[in-house]
Amino acid sequence: MPTALSLALEADARRADLDRATTALAAGLAALGYDVRPGLGPILPVWLGAPDAATSLAERLRQRDVLVRGIRPPTVPAGTSRLRVVPSALTRPELVERALEAFAEAAS
């Protein structure tokens, strides 16, 4: 098989993996009560409102080996602070489950 075709076919599979991870994370976070809004591509904005909420939740998640960015003013308007959750094509189902467990633990 030509290399270009092989790469194109592999890219389709990776895009499908990324879509599955993004969909599973969004559904799981919503089921946990998080305010997940549509993002661009695989970016899942988890809206928290207050800057301190974004900072402290990002830190609690980091302590559980889940790295997400807290996005706060002046990057976003006041009252719209959020976490930026970005899965990749390498985010396997067990990693999605682990991230969701960490979000559940960090919420309490």
PDB file of N, CA and C in Angstrom:
ATOM      1  N   MET A   1       0.849  -1.171   0.000  1.00  0.00           N
ATOM      2  CA  MET A   1       0.000   0.000   0.000  1.00  0.00           C
ATOM      3  C   MET A   1       0.899   1.239   0.000  1.00  0.00           C
ATOM      4  N   PRO A   2       0.592   2.206  -0.826  1.00  0.00           N
ATOM      5  CA  PRO A   2       1.389   3.439  -0.847  1.00  0.00           C
ATOM      6  C   PRO A   2       1.360   4.119   0.524  1.00  0.00           C
ATOM      7  N   THR A   3       2.473   4.752   0.866  1.00  0.00           N
ATOM      8  CA  THR A   3       2.613   5.389   2.171  1.00  0.00           C
ATOM      9  C   THR A   3       1.538   6.449   2.407  1.00  0.00           C
ATOM     10  N   ALA A   4       1.259   7.270   1.414  1.00  0.00           N
ATOM     11  CA  ALA A   4       0.261   8.330   1.577  1.00  0.00           C
ATOM     12  C   ALA A   4      -1.109   7.744   1.903  1.00  0.00           C
ATOM     13  N   LEU A   5      -1.496   6.682   1.227  1.00  0.00           N
ATOM     14  CA  LEU A   5      -2.789   6.052   1.487  1.00  0.00           C
ATOM     15  C   LEU A   5      -2.814   5.447   2.891  1.00  0.00           C
ATOM     16  N   SER A   6      -1.733   4.820   3.257  1.00  0.00           N
ATOM     17  CA  SER A   6      -1.636   4.230   4.593  1.00  0.00           C
ATOM     18  C   SER A   6      -1.782   5.306   5.673  1.00  0.00           C
ATOM     19  N   LEU A   7      -1.104   6.422   5.489  1.00  0.00           N
ATOM     20  CA  LEU A   7      -1.199   7.524   6.449  1.00  0.00           C
ATOM     21  C   LEU A   7      -2.614   8.102   6.500  1.00  0.00           C
ATOM     22  N   ALA A   8      -3.245   8.220   5.348  1.00  0.00           N
ATOM     23  CA  ALA A   8      -4.610   8.756   5.303  1.00  0.00           C
ATOM     24  C   ALA A   8      -5.584   7.830   6.027  1.00  0.00           C
ATOM     25  N   LEU A   9      -5.445   6.534   5.818  1.00  0.00           N
ATOM     26  CA  LEU A   9      -6.325   5.586   6.492  1.00  0.00           C
ATOM     27  C   LEU A   9      -6.093   5.598   7.998  1.00  0.00           C
ATOM     28  N   GLU A  10      -4.845   5.690   8.409  1.00  0.00           N
ATOM     29  CA  GLU A  10      -4.521   5.759   9.836  1.00  0.00           C
ATOM     30  C   GLU A  10      -5.072   7.043  10.448  1.00  0.00           C
ATOM     31  N   ALA A  11      -5.012   8.132   9.709  1.00  0.00           N
ATOM     32  CA  ALA A  11      -5.524   9.407  10.210  1.00  0.00           C
ATOM     33  C   ALA A  11      -7.029   9.325  10.448  1.00  0.00           C
ATOM     34  N   ASP A  12      -7.752   8.639   9.567  1.00  0.00           N
ATOM     35  CA  ASP A  12      -9.195   8.471   9.766  1.00  0.00           C
ATOM     36  C   ASP A  12      -9.472   7.722  11.058  1.00  0.00           C
ATOM     37  N   ALA A  13      -8.706   6.682  11.325  1.00  0.00           N
ATOM     38  CA  ALA A  13      -8.892   5.906  12.550  1.00  0.00           C
ATOM     39  C   ALA A  13      -8.570   6.752  13.779  1.00  0.00           C
ATOM     40  N   ARG A  14      -7.526   7.557  13.707  1.00  0.00           N
ATOM     41  CA  ARG A  14      -7.168   8.413  14.844  1.00  0.00           C
ATOM     42  C   ARG A  14      -8.211   9.493  15.089  1.00  0.00           C
ATOM     43  N   ARG A  15      -8.752  10.049  13.999  1.00  0.00           N
ATOM     44  CA  ARG A  15      -9.823  11.039  14.165  1.00  0.00           C
ATOM     45  C   ARG A  15     -11.034  10.401  14.832  1.00  0.00           C
ATOM     46  N   ALA A  16     -11.350   9.165  14.464  1.00  0.00           N
ATOM     47  CA  ALA A  16     -12.470   8.455  15.087  1.00  0.00           C
ATOM     48  C   ALA A  16     -12.182   8.210  16.570  1.00  0.00           C
ATOM     49  N   ASP A  17     -10.949   7.834  16.899  1.00  0.00           N
ATOM     50  CA  ASP A  17     -10.569   7.648  18.303  1.00  0.00           C
ATOM     51  C   ASP A  17     -10.719   8.950  19.081  1.00  0.00           C
ATOM     52  N   LEU A  18     -10.278  10.042  18.491  1.00  0.00           N
ATOM     53  CA  LEU A  18     -10.384  11.352  19.130  1.00  0.00           C
ATOM     54  C   LEU A  18     -11.844  11.727  19.343  1.00  0.00           C
ATOM     55  N   ASP A  19     -12.676  11.489  18.354  1.00  0.00           N
ATOM     56  CA  ASP A  19     -14.102  11.806  18.480  1.00  0.00           C
ATOM     57  C   ASP A  19     -14.739  10.983  19.596  1.00  0.00           C
ATOM     58  N   ARG A  20     -14.389   9.700  19.678  1.00  0.00           N
ATOM     59  CA  ARG A  20     -14.940   8.849  20.747  1.00  0.00           C
ATOM     60  C   ARG A  20     -14.499   9.347  22.124  1.00  0.00           C
ATOM     61  N   ALA A  21     -13.235   9.694  22.267  1.00  0.00           N
ATOM     62  CA  ALA A  21     -12.736  10.189  23.556  1.00  0.00           C
ATOM     63  C   ALA A  21     -13.413  11.503  23.934  1.00  0.00           C
ATOM     64  N   THR A  22     -13.545  12.401  22.980  1.00  0.00           N
ATOM     65  CA  THR A  22     -14.178  13.696  23.242  1.00  0.00           C
ATOM     66  C   THR A  22     -15.633  13.518  23.644  1.00  0.00           C
ATOM     67  N   THR A  23     -16.358  12.677  22.915  1.00  0.00           N
ATOM     68  CA  THR A  23     -17.772  12.431  23.209  1.00  0.00           C
ATOM     69  C   THR A  23     -17.933  11.790  24.586  1.00  0.00           C
ATOM     70  N   ALA A  24     -17.093  10.807  24.902  1.00  0.00           N
ATOM     71  CA  ALA A  24     -17.176  10.127  26.196  1.00  0.00           C
ATOM     72  C   ALA A  24     -16.856  11.079  27.344  1.00  0.00           C
ATOM     73  N   LEU A  25     -15.836  11.893  27.175  1.00  0.00           N
ATOM     74  CA  LEU A  25     -15.494  12.868  28.220  1.00  0.00           C
ATOM     75  C   LEU A  25     -16.617  13.878  28.423  1.00  0.00           C
ATOM     76  N   ALA A  26     -17.151  14.408  27.342  1.00  0.00           N
ATOM     77  CA  ALA A  26     -18.228  15.403  27.447  1.00  0.00           C
ATOM     78  C   ALA A  26     -19.442  14.801  28.142  1.00  0.00           C
ATOM     79  N   ALA A  27     -19.836  13.603  27.744  1.00  0.00           N
ATOM     80  CA  ALA A  27     -21.000  12.955  28.351  1.00  0.00           C
ATOM     81  C   ALA A  27     -20.748  12.641  29.820  1.00  0.00           C
ATOM     82  N   GLY A  28     -19.562  12.132  30.125  1.00  0.00           N
ATOM     83  CA  GLY A  28     -19.235  11.797  31.505  1.00  0.00           C
ATOM     84  C   GLY A  28     -19.171  13.011  32.405  1.00  0.00           C
ATOM     85  N   LEU A  29     -18.572  14.091  31.919  1.00  0.00           N
ATOM     86  CA  LEU A  29     -18.499  15.321  32.708  1.00  0.00           C
ATOM     87  C   LEU A  29     -19.890  15.906  32.939  1.00  0.00           C
ATOM     88  N   ALA A  30     -20.720  15.883  31.916  1.00  0.00           N
ATOM     89  CA  ALA A  30     -22.096  16.372  32.065  1.00  0.00           C
ATOM     90  C   ALA A  30     -22.860  15.516  33.078  1.00  0.00           C
ATOM     91  N   ALA A  31     -22.655  14.199  33.037  1.00  0.00           N
ATOM     92  CA  ALA A  31     -23.325  13.300  33.989  1.00  0.00           C
ATOM     93  C   ALA A  31     -22.881  13.581  35.422  1.00  0.00           C
ATOM     94  N   LEU A  32     -21.656  14.058  35.586  1.00  0.00           N
ATOM     95  CA  LEU A  32     -21.159  14.419  36.913  1.00  0.00           C
ATOM     96  C   LEU A  32     -21.660  15.793  37.359  1.00  0.00           C
ATOM     97  N   GLY A  33     -22.380  16.486  36.487  1.00  0.00           N
ATOM     98  CA  GLY A  33     -22.935  17.789  36.840  1.00  0.00           C
ATOM     99  C   GLY A  33     -22.121  18.982  36.395  1.00  0.00           C
ATOM    100  N   TYR A  34     -21.059  18.745  35.638  1.00  0.00           N
ATOM    101  CA  TYR A  34     -20.247  19.853  35.131  1.00  0.00           C
ATOM    102  C   TYR A  34     -20.946  20.513  33.940  1.00  0.00           C
ATOM    103  N   ASP A  35     -20.734  21.813  33.808  1.00  0.00           N
ATOM    104  CA  ASP A  35     -21.304  22.597  32.715  1.00  0.00           C
ATOM    105  C   ASP A  35     -20.328  22.554  31.538  1.00  0.00           C
ATOM    106  N   VAL A  36     -20.531  21.590  30.659  1.00  0.00           N
ATOM    107  CA  VAL A  36     -19.669  21.404  29.487  1.00  0.00           C
ATOM    108  C   VAL A  36     -20.368  22.041  28.300  1.00  0.00           C
ATOM    109  N   ARG A  37     -19.693  22.962  27.669  1.00  0.00           N
ATOM    110  CA  ARG A  37     -20.284  23.663  26.524  1.00  0.00           C
ATOM    111  C   ARG A  37     -19.553  23.258  25.257  1.00  0.00           C
ATOM    112  N   PRO A  38     -20.210  23.452  24.118  1.00  0.00           N
ATOM    113  CA  PRO A  38     -19.533  23.111  22.853  1.00  0.00           C
ATOM    114  C   PRO A  38     -18.241  23.905  22.706  1.00  0.00           C
ATOM    115  N   GLY A  39     -17.217  23.222  22.220  1.00  0.00           N
ATOM    116  CA  GLY A  39     -15.930  23.857  21.995  1.00  0.00           C
ATOM    117  C   GLY A  39     -15.530  23.715  20.543  1.00  0.00           C
ATOM    118  N   LEU A  40     -14.318  24.092  20.257  1.00  0.00           N
ATOM    119  CA  LEU A  40     -13.784  23.942  18.911  1.00  0.00           C
ATOM    120  C   LEU A  40     -13.057  22.614  18.817  1.00  0.00           C
ATOM    121  N   GLY A  41     -13.477  21.769  17.913  1.00  0.00           N
ATOM    122  CA  GLY A  41     -12.845  20.467  17.761  1.00  0.00           C
ATOM    123  C   GLY A  41     -12.940  19.677  19.049  1.00  0.00           C
ATOM    124  N   PRO A  42     -11.826  19.117  19.503  1.00  0.00           N
ATOM    125  CA  PRO A  42     -11.865  18.294  20.706  1.00  0.00           C
ATOM    126  C   PRO A  42     -11.733  19.082  22.014  1.00  0.00           C
ATOM    127  N   ILE A  43     -11.744  20.409  21.944  1.00  0.00           N
ATOM    128  CA  ILE A  43     -11.603  21.214  23.160  1.00  0.00           C
ATOM    129  C   ILE A  43     -12.943  21.242  23.893  1.00  0.00           C
ATOM    130  N   LEU A  44     -12.914  20.792  25.157  1.00  0.00           N
ATOM    131  CA  LEU A  44     -14.121  20.788  25.982  1.00  0.00           C
ATOM    132  C   LEU A  44     -14.005  21.871  27.045  1.00  0.00           C
ATOM    133  N   PRO A  45     -14.730  22.976  26.899  1.00  0.00           N
ATOM    134  CA  PRO A  45     -14.719  23.989  27.949  1.00  0.00           C
ATOM    135  C   PRO A  45     -15.668  23.569  29.076  1.00  0.00           C
ATOM    136  N   VAL A  46     -15.123  23.472  30.276  1.00  0.00           N
ATOM    137  CA  VAL A  46     -15.920  23.152  31.463  1.00  0.00           C
ATOM    138  C   VAL A  46     -16.069  24.462  32.237  1.00  0.00           C
ATOM    139  N   TRP A  47     -17.250  25.048  32.139  1.00  0.00           N
ATOM    140  CA  TRP A  47     -17.494  26.376  32.692  1.00  0.00           C
ATOM    141  C   TRP A  47     -17.677  26.307  34.198  1.00  0.00           C
ATOM    142  N   LEU A  48     -16.970  27.212  34.892  1.00  0.00           N
ATOM    143  CA  LEU A  48     -17.042  27.272  36.346  1.00  0.00           C
ATOM    144  C   LEU A  48     -17.441  28.656  36.845  1.00  0.00           C
ATOM    145  N   GLY A  49     -17.256  29.682  36.015  1.00  0.00           N
ATOM    146  CA  GLY A  49     -17.644  31.042  36.383  1.00  0.00           C
ATOM    147  C   GLY A  49     -16.546  31.833  37.053  1.00  0.00           C
ATOM    148  N   ALA A  50     -16.238  31.511  38.304  1.00  0.00           N
ATOM    149  CA  ALA A  50     -15.275  32.294  39.086  1.00  0.00           C
ATOM    150  C   ALA A  50     -13.839  31.855  38.807  1.00  0.00           C
ATOM    151  N   PRO A  51     -12.922  32.805  38.737  1.00  0.00           N
ATOM    152  CA  PRO A  51     -11.519  32.470  38.503  1.00  0.00           C
ATOM    153  C   PRO A  51     -10.949  31.514  39.556  1.00  0.00           C
ATOM    154  N   ASP A  52     -11.298  31.739  40.826  1.00  0.00           N
ATOM    155  CA  ASP A  52     -10.790  30.871  41.891  1.00  0.00           C
ATOM    156  C   ASP A  52     -11.275  29.438  41.732  1.00  0.00           C
ATOM    157  N   ALA A  53     -12.498  29.268  41.249  1.00  0.00           N
ATOM    158  CA  ALA A  53     -13.040  27.919  41.036  1.00  0.00           C
ATOM    159  C   ALA A  53     -12.232  27.188  39.975  1.00  0.00           C
ATOM    160  N   ALA A  54     -11.884  27.888  38.906  1.00  0.00           N
ATOM    161  CA  ALA A  54     -11.092  27.267  37.832  1.00  0.00           C
ATOM    162  C   ALA A  54      -9.694  26.920  38.317  1.00  0.00           C
ATOM    163  N   THR A  55      -9.079  27.831  39.048  1.00  0.00           N
ATOM    164  CA  THR A  55      -7.726  27.602  39.542  1.00  0.00           C
ATOM    165  C   THR A  55      -7.686  26.449  40.533  1.00  0.00           C
ATOM    166  N   SER A  56      -8.607  26.442  41.486  1.00  0.00           N
ATOM    167  CA  SER A  56      -8.556  25.399  42.516  1.00  0.00           C
ATOM    168  C   SER A  56      -8.931  24.032  41.964  1.00  0.00           C
ATOM    169  N   LEU A  57      -9.895  23.956  41.053  1.00  0.00           N
ATOM    170  CA  LEU A  57     -10.247  22.658  40.476  1.00  0.00           C
ATOM    171  C   LEU A  57      -9.103  22.148  39.603  1.00  0.00           C
ATOM    172  N   ALA A  58      -8.476  23.009  38.834  1.00  0.00           N
ATOM    173  CA  ALA A  58      -7.328  22.588  38.023  1.00  0.00           C
ATOM    174  C   ALA A  58      -6.217  22.031  38.918  1.00  0.00           C
ATOM    175  N   GLU A  59      -6.002  22.642  40.074  1.00  0.00           N
ATOM    176  CA  GLU A  59      -4.974  22.159  41.001  1.00  0.00           C
ATOM    177  C   GLU A  59      -5.368  20.812  41.615  1.00  0.00           C
ATOM    178  N   ARG A  60      -6.629  20.663  42.011  1.00  0.00           N
ATOM    179  CA  ARG A  60      -7.074  19.377  42.576  1.00  0.00           C
ATOM    180  C   ARG A  60      -6.960  18.267  41.536  1.00  0.00           C
ATOM    181  N   LEU A  61      -7.239  18.584  40.286  1.00  0.00           N
ATOM    182  CA  LEU A  61      -7.098  17.590  39.211  1.00  0.00           C
ATOM    183  C   LEU A  61      -5.627  17.264  38.977  1.00  0.00           C
ATOM    184  N   ARG A  62      -4.758  18.277  39.019  1.00  0.00           N
ATOM    185  CA  ARG A  62      -3.323  18.045  38.845  1.00  0.00           C
ATOM    186  C   ARG A  62      -2.800  17.092  39.915  1.00  0.00           C
ATOM    187  N   GLN A  63      -3.300  17.246  41.124  1.00  0.00           N
ATOM    188  CA  GLN A  63      -2.896  16.355  42.211  1.00  0.00           C
ATOM    189  C   GLN A  63      -3.331  14.907  41.944  1.00  0.00           C
ATOM    190  N   ARG A  64      -4.282  14.744  41.042  1.00  0.00           N
ATOM    191  CA  ARG A  64      -4.765  13.416  40.663  1.00  0.00           C
ATOM    192  C   ARG A  64      -4.239  13.004  39.276  1.00  0.00           C
ATOM    193  N   ASP A  65      -3.176  13.686  38.842  1.00  0.00           N
ATOM    194  CA  ASP A  65      -2.495  13.402  37.569  1.00  0.00           C
ATOM    195  C   ASP A  65      -3.356  13.651  36.328  1.00  0.00           C
ATOM    196  N   VAL A  66      -4.287  14.593  36.422  1.00  0.00           N
ATOM    197  CA  VAL A  66      -5.070  15.029  35.263  1.00  0.00           C
ATOM    198  C   VAL A  66      -4.712  16.491  35.028  1.00  0.00           C
ATOM    199  N   LEU A  67      -4.097  16.758  33.887  1.00  0.00           N
ATOM    200  CA  LEU A  67      -3.629  18.109  33.596  1.00  0.00           C
ATOM    201  C   LEU A  67      -4.611  18.833  32.686  1.00  0.00           C
ATOM    202  N   VAL A  68      -5.200  19.889  33.213  1.00  0.00           N
ATOM    203  CA  VAL A  68      -6.092  20.756  32.453  1.00  0.00           C
ATOM    204  C   VAL A  68      -5.691  22.191  32.768  1.00  0.00           C
ATOM    205  N   ARG A  69      -6.035  23.081  31.890  1.00  0.00           N
ATOM    206  CA  ARG A  69      -5.715  24.501  32.078  1.00  0.00           C
ATOM    207  C   ARG A  69      -6.937  25.235  32.605  1.00  0.00           C
ATOM    208  N   GLY A  70      -6.705  26.055  33.616  1.00  0.00           N
ATOM    209  CA  GLY A  70      -7.736  26.983  34.049  1.00  0.00           C
ATOM    210  C   GLY A  70      -7.629  28.233  33.198  1.00  0.00           C
ATOM    211  N   ILE A  71      -8.727  28.626  32.595  1.00  0.00           N
ATOM    212  CA  ILE A  71      -8.751  29.822  31.739  1.00  0.00           C
ATOM    213  C   ILE A  71      -9.569  30.884  32.473  1.00  0.00           C
ATOM    214  N   ARG A  72      -8.919  32.017  32.743  1.00  0.00           N
ATOM    215  CA  ARG A  72      -9.539  33.065  33.549  1.00  0.00           C
ATOM    216  C   ARG A  72      -9.312  34.428  32.892  1.00  0.00           C
ATOM    217  N   PRO A  73     -10.023  35.463  33.391  1.00  0.00           N
ATOM    218  CA  PRO A  73      -9.760  36.798  32.880  1.00  0.00           C
ATOM    219  C   PRO A  73      -8.290  37.153  33.075  1.00  0.00           C
ATOM    220  N   PRO A  74      -7.686  37.853  32.200  1.00  0.00           N
ATOM    221  CA  PRO A  74      -8.283  38.592  31.089  1.00  0.00           C
ATOM    222  C   PRO A  74      -8.415  37.774  29.804  1.00  0.00           C
ATOM    223  N   THR A  75      -8.046  36.481  29.845  1.00  0.00           N
ATOM    224  CA  THR A  75      -8.154  35.666  28.634  1.00  0.00           C
ATOM    225  C   THR A  75      -9.610  35.488  28.217  1.00  0.00           C
ATOM    226  N   VAL A  76     -10.508  35.371  29.180  1.00  0.00           N
ATOM    227  CA  VAL A  76     -11.945  35.261  28.923  1.00  0.00           C
ATOM    228  C   VAL A  76     -12.652  36.352  29.723  1.00  0.00           C
ATOM    229  N   PRO A  77     -13.876  36.699  29.338  1.00  0.00           N
ATOM    230  CA  PRO A  77     -14.595  37.740  30.089  1.00  0.00           C
ATOM    231  C   PRO A  77     -14.851  37.323  31.544  1.00  0.00           C
ATOM    232  N   ALA A  78     -14.964  38.317  32.416  1.00  0.00           N
ATOM    233  CA  ALA A  78     -15.287  38.065  33.819  1.00  0.00           C
ATOM    234  C   ALA A  78     -16.552  37.220  33.913  1.00  0.00           C
ATOM    235  N   GLY A  79     -16.549  36.278  34.844  1.00  0.00           N
ATOM    236  CA  GLY A  79     -17.711  35.420  35.056  1.00  0.00           C
ATOM    237  C   GLY A  79     -17.762  34.204  34.153  1.00  0.00           C
ATOM    238  N   THR A  80     -16.755  34.040  33.280  1.00  0.00           N
ATOM    239  CA  THR A  80     -16.772  32.902  32.350  1.00  0.00           C
ATOM    240  C   THR A  80     -15.529  32.018  32.485  1.00  0.00           C
ATOM    241  N   SER A  81     -14.907  32.025  33.651  1.00  0.00           N
ATOM    242  CA  SER A  81     -13.723  31.184  33.856  1.00  0.00           C
ATOM    243  C   SER A  81     -14.098  29.728  33.654  1.00  0.00           C
ATOM    244  N   ARG A  82     -13.158  28.978  33.162  1.00  0.00           N
ATOM    245  CA  ARG A  82     -13.437  27.588  32.799  1.00  0.00           C
ATOM    246  C   ARG A  82     -12.161  26.774  32.796  1.00  0.00           C
ATOM    247  N   LEU A  83     -12.336  25.479  32.686  1.00  0.00           N
ATOM    248  CA  LEU A  83     -11.223  24.576  32.444  1.00  0.00           C
ATOM    249  C   LEU A  83     -11.223  24.241  30.967  1.00  0.00           C
ATOM    250  N   ARG A  84     -10.046  24.044  30.439  1.00  0.00           N
ATOM    251  CA  ARG A  84      -9.895  23.651  29.039  1.00  0.00           C
ATOM    252  C   ARG A  84      -9.420  22.201  29.034  1.00  0.00           C
ATOM    253  N   VAL A  85     -10.343  21.299  28.715  1.00  0.00           N
ATOM    254  CA  VAL A  85     -10.064  19.865  28.687  1.00  0.00           C
ATOM    255  C   VAL A  85      -9.854  19.476  27.229  1.00  0.00           C
ATOM    256  N   VAL A  86      -8.695  18.895  26.935  1.00  0.00           N
ATOM    257  CA  VAL A  86      -8.358  18.577  25.549  1.00  0.00           C
ATOM    258  C   VAL A  86      -7.847  17.138  25.447  1.00  0.00           C
ATOM    259  N   PRO A  87      -8.721  16.209  25.062  1.00  0.00           N
ATOM    260  CA  PRO A  87      -8.241  14.844  24.820  1.00  0.00           C
ATOM    261  C   PRO A  87      -7.446  14.787  23.516  1.00  0.00           C
ATOM    262  N   SER A  88      -6.764  13.681  23.316  1.00  0.00           N
ATOM    263  CA  SER A  88      -6.052  13.473  22.066  1.00  0.00           C
ATOM    264  C   SER A  88      -6.489  12.151  21.459  1.00  0.00           C
ATOM    265  N   ALA A  89      -5.998  11.868  20.275  1.00  0.00           N
ATOM    266  CA  ALA A  89      -6.317  10.602  19.623  1.00  0.00           C
ATOM    267  C   ALA A  89      -5.757   9.426  20.416  1.00  0.00           C
ATOM    268  N   LEU A  90      -4.816   9.688  21.308  1.00  0.00           N
ATOM    269  CA  LEU A  90      -4.224   8.635  22.131  1.00  0.00           C
ATOM    270  C   LEU A  90      -4.933   8.457  23.470  1.00  0.00           C
ATOM    271  N   THR A  91      -6.004   9.220  23.706  1.00  0.00           N
ATOM    272  CA  THR A  91      -6.771   9.117  24.947  1.00  0.00           C
ATOM    273  C   THR A  91      -7.680   7.897  24.854  1.00  0.00           C
ATOM    274  N   ARG A  92      -7.237   6.824  25.446  1.00  0.00           N
ATOM    275  CA  ARG A  92      -7.965   5.548  25.409  1.00  0.00           C
ATOM    276  C   ARG A  92      -9.106   5.553  26.420  1.00  0.00           C
ATOM    277  N   PRO A  93     -10.072   4.643  26.257  1.00  0.00           N
ATOM    278  CA  PRO A  93     -11.214   4.593  27.182  1.00  0.00           C
ATOM    279  C   PRO A  93     -10.824   4.521  28.657  1.00  0.00           C
ATOM    280  N   GLU A  94      -9.760   3.802  28.987  1.00  0.00           N
ATOM    281  CA  GLU A  94      -9.360   3.715  30.398  1.00  0.00           C
ATOM    282  C   GLU A  94      -8.848   5.061  30.913  1.00  0.00           C
ATOM    283  N   LEU A  95      -8.260   5.874  30.043  1.00  0.00           N
ATOM    284  CA  LEU A  95      -7.829   7.209  30.450  1.00  0.00           C
ATOM    285  C   LEU A  95      -9.019   8.145  30.629  1.00  0.00           C
ATOM    286  N   VAL A  96     -10.031   7.972  29.785  1.00  0.00           N
ATOM    287  CA  VAL A  96     -11.266   8.753  29.943  1.00  0.00           C
ATOM    288  C   VAL A  96     -11.877   8.431  31.304  1.00  0.00           C
ATOM    289  N   GLU A  97     -11.969   7.145  31.628  1.00  0.00           N
ATOM    290  CA  GLU A  97     -12.545   6.741  32.919  1.00  0.00           C
ATOM    291  C   GLU A  97     -11.730   7.294  34.082  1.00  0.00           C
ATOM    292  N   ARG A  98     -10.429   7.249  33.972  1.00  0.00           N
ATOM    293  CA  ARG A  98      -9.571   7.774  35.035  1.00  0.00           C
ATOM    294  C   ARG A  98      -9.761   9.281  35.197  1.00  0.00           C
ATOM    295  N   ALA A  99      -9.856   9.993  34.089  1.00  0.00           N
ATOM    296  CA  ALA A  99     -10.092  11.438  34.162  1.00  0.00           C
ATOM    297  C   ALA A  99     -11.444  11.731  34.811  1.00  0.00           C
ATOM    298  N   LEU A 100     -12.460  10.978  34.447  1.00  0.00           N
ATOM    299  CA  LEU A 100     -13.790  11.193  35.031  1.00  0.00           C
ATOM    300  C   LEU A 100     -13.788  10.886  36.532  1.00  0.00           C
ATOM    301  N   GLU A 101     -13.076   9.849  36.934  1.00  0.00           N
ATOM    302  CA  GLU A 101     -12.934   9.553  38.366  1.00  0.00           C
ATOM    303  C   GLU A 101     -12.267  10.724  39.087  1.00  0.00           C
ATOM    304  N   ALA A 102     -11.227  11.268  38.476  1.00  0.00           N
ATOM    305  CA  ALA A 102     -10.534  12.405  39.080  1.00  0.00           C
ATOM    306  C   ALA A 102     -11.457  13.626  39.186  1.00  0.00           C
ATOM    307  N   PHE A 103     -12.244  13.886  38.161  1.00  0.00           N
ATOM    308  CA  PHE A 103     -13.196  15.007  38.219  1.00  0.00           C
ATOM    309  C   PHE A 103     -14.221  14.778  39.320  1.00  0.00           C
ATOM    310  N   ALA A 104     -14.689  13.545  39.479  1.00  0.00           N
ATOM    311  CA  ALA A 104     -15.652  13.231  40.531  1.00  0.00           C
ATOM    312  C   ALA A 104     -15.026  13.439  41.914  1.00  0.00           C
ATOM    313  N   GLU A 105     -13.801  12.952  42.100  1.00  0.00           N
ATOM    314  CA  GLU A 105     -13.097  13.110  43.374  1.00  0.00           C
ATOM    315  C   GLU A 105     -12.805  14.585  43.660  1.00  0.00           C
ATOM    316  N   ALA A 106     -12.380  15.305  42.652  1.00  0.00           N
ATOM    317  CA  ALA A 106     -11.977  16.704  42.828  1.00  0.00           C
ATOM    318  C   ALA A 106     -13.165  17.612  43.120  1.00  0.00           C
ATOM    319  N   ALA A 107     -14.346  17.184  42.741  1.00  0.00           N
ATOM    320  CA  ALA A 107     -15.537  18.006  42.964  1.00  0.00           C
ATOM    321  C   ALA A 107     -15.943  18.012  44.432  1.00  0.00           C
ATOM    322  N   SER A 108     -15.557  16.982  45.177  1.00  0.00           N
ATOM    323  CA  SER A 108     -16.006  16.890  46.564  1.00  0.00           C
ATOM    324  C   SER A 108     -15.001  17.437  47.541  1.00  0.00           C
TER     325      SER A 108
END
